[in-house]
Amino acid sequence: MDDLLEYKLPSPEYYREMRGSLRALNDKLDVHRKMLDRYSGIDMNATTASVQDRIESKYQQLASRFVEWTDI
């Protein structure tokens, strides 16, 4: 019980370093997000096909590569 009363808060430098680390991590994640957005090639507004039609189209593309899938 005495240990709880003697608890000392970490120094302000600790929080400053943690904030800097989190900022650096967020910057790295932001770079990856931007790269995914730039190079994914997905334009959600470009197509008027329904989701079901797009899924069927992708399935047909895969099925043409794998003959054993055509019997499903």
C-alpha atoms as a PDB file:
ATOM      1  CA  MET A   1       0.000   0.000   0.000  1.00  0.00           C
ATOM      2  CA  ASP A   2       2.868   2.365   0.740  1.00  0.00           C
ATOM      3  CA  ASP A   3       4.154   1.835  -2.819  1.00  0.00           C
ATOM      4  CA  LEU A   4       0.961   3.329  -4.206  1.00  0.00           C
ATOM      5  CA  LEU A   5       1.452   6.504  -2.223  1.00  0.00           C
ATOM      6  CA  GLU A   6       5.072   6.824  -3.348  1.00  0.00           C
ATOM      7  CA  TYR A   7       4.252   6.595  -7.052  1.00  0.00           C
ATOM      8  CA  LYS A   8       5.922   9.324  -9.047  1.00  0.00           C
ATOM      9  CA  LEU A   9       4.680  10.547 -12.370  1.00  0.00           C
ATOM     10  CA  PRO A  10       7.050  10.162 -15.292  1.00  0.00           C
ATOM     11  CA  SER A  11       9.044  13.229 -16.192  1.00  0.00           C
ATOM     12  CA  PRO A  12       7.757  15.674 -18.815  1.00  0.00           C
ATOM     13  CA  GLU A  13      10.629  14.556 -21.054  1.00  0.00           C
ATOM     14  CA  TYR A  14       9.087  11.072 -21.170  1.00  0.00           C
ATOM     15  CA  TYR A  15       5.814  12.462 -22.508  1.00  0.00           C
ATOM     16  CA  ARG A  16       7.647  14.692 -24.975  1.00  0.00           C
ATOM     17  CA  GLU A  17       9.543  11.682 -26.367  1.00  0.00           C
ATOM     18  CA  MET A  18       6.365   9.618 -26.545  1.00  0.00           C
ATOM     19  CA  ARG A  19       4.565  12.405 -28.417  1.00  0.00           C
ATOM     20  CA  GLY A  20       7.482  12.652 -30.848  1.00  0.00           C
ATOM     21  CA  SER A  21       7.430   8.897 -31.425  1.00  0.00           C
ATOM     22  CA  LEU A  22       3.695   8.911 -32.078  1.00  0.00           C
ATOM     23  CA  ARG A  23       4.029  11.831 -34.477  1.00  0.00           C
ATOM     24  CA  ALA A  24       6.781  10.008 -36.401  1.00  0.00           C
ATOM     25  CA  LEU A  25       4.651   6.866 -36.540  1.00  0.00           C
ATOM     26  CA  ASN A  26       1.631   8.799 -37.803  1.00  0.00           C
ATOM     27  CA  ASP A  27       3.802  10.432 -40.477  1.00  0.00           C
ATOM     28  CA  LYS A  28       4.976   7.008 -41.684  1.00  0.00           C
ATOM     29  CA  LEU A  29       1.415   5.694 -41.766  1.00  0.00           C
ATOM     30  CA  ASP A  30       0.308   8.782 -43.661  1.00  0.00           C
ATOM     31  CA  VAL A  31       2.953   8.158 -46.325  1.00  0.00           C
ATOM     32  CA  HIS A  32       1.703   4.580 -46.745  1.00  0.00           C
ATOM     33  CA  ARG A  33      -1.923   5.743 -46.918  1.00  0.00           C
ATOM     34  CA  LYS A  34      -1.057   8.242 -49.625  1.00  0.00           C
ATOM     35  CA  MET A  35       0.822   5.605 -51.602  1.00  0.00           C
ATOM     36  CA  LEU A  36      -2.124   3.211 -51.385  1.00  0.00           C
ATOM     37  CA  ASP A  37      -4.505   5.919 -52.538  1.00  0.00           C
ATOM     38  CA  ARG A  38      -2.226   6.917 -55.390  1.00  0.00           C
ATOM     39  CA  TYR A  39      -1.339   3.471 -56.723  1.00  0.00           C
ATOM     40  CA  SER A  40      -4.372   1.330 -55.927  1.00  0.00           C
ATOM     41  CA  GLY A  41      -6.011   2.229 -59.239  1.00  0.00           C
ATOM     42  CA  ILE A  42      -9.492   2.008 -57.789  1.00  0.00           C
ATOM     43  CA  ASP A  43     -11.883   4.728 -58.838  1.00  0.00           C
ATOM     44  CA  MET A  44     -15.172   4.148 -57.079  1.00  0.00           C
ATOM     45  CA  ASN A  45     -16.973   6.758 -59.202  1.00  0.00           C
ATOM     46  CA  ALA A  46     -15.753   5.484 -62.585  1.00  0.00           C
ATOM     47  CA  THR A  47     -18.009   2.460 -62.848  1.00  0.00           C
ATOM     48  CA  THR A  48     -21.768   2.264 -62.836  1.00  0.00           C
ATOM     49  CA  ALA A  49     -21.854  -1.531 -62.488  1.00  0.00           C
ATOM     50  CA  SER A  50     -23.394  -2.941 -59.352  1.00  0.00           C
ATOM     51  CA  VAL A  51     -21.243  -4.560 -56.714  1.00  0.00           C
ATOM     52  CA  GLN A  52     -22.684  -7.962 -57.561  1.00  0.00           C
ATOM     53  CA  ASP A  53     -21.735  -7.521 -61.237  1.00  0.00           C
ATOM     54  CA  ARG A  54     -18.192  -6.465 -60.333  1.00  0.00           C
ATOM     55  CA  ILE A  55     -17.785  -9.467 -58.030  1.00  0.00           C
ATOM     56  CA  GLU A  56     -19.082 -11.793 -60.732  1.00  0.00           C
ATOM     57  CA  SER A  57     -16.663 -10.249 -63.234  1.00  0.00           C
ATOM     58  CA  LYS A  58     -13.698 -10.730 -60.890  1.00  0.00           C
ATOM     59  CA  TYR A  59     -14.774 -14.312 -60.225  1.00  0.00           C
ATOM     60  CA  GLN A  60     -14.932 -15.012 -63.962  1.00  0.00           C
ATOM     61  CA  GLN A  61     -11.437 -13.578 -64.394  1.00  0.00           C
ATOM     62  CA  LEU A  62     -10.111 -15.890 -61.699  1.00  0.00           C
ATOM     63  CA  ALA A  63     -12.087 -18.866 -62.968  1.00  0.00           C
ATOM     64  CA  SER A  64     -10.562 -18.464 -66.421  1.00  0.00           C
ATOM     65  CA  ARG A  65      -7.133 -18.888 -64.819  1.00  0.00           C
ATOM     66  CA  PHE A  66      -8.126 -21.941 -62.811  1.00  0.00           C
ATOM     67  CA  VAL A  67     -10.016 -24.492 -64.878  1.00  0.00           C
ATOM     68  CA  GLU A  68     -11.095 -26.531 -61.850  1.00  0.00           C
ATOM     69  CA  TRP A  69     -13.106 -23.553 -60.561  1.00  0.00           C
ATOM     70  CA  THR A  70     -15.443 -23.545 -63.543  1.00  0.00           C
ATOM     71  CA  ASP A  71     -17.304 -26.604 -62.222  1.00  0.00           C
ATOM     72  CA  ILE A  72     -18.358 -24.834 -59.025  1.00  0.00           C
END
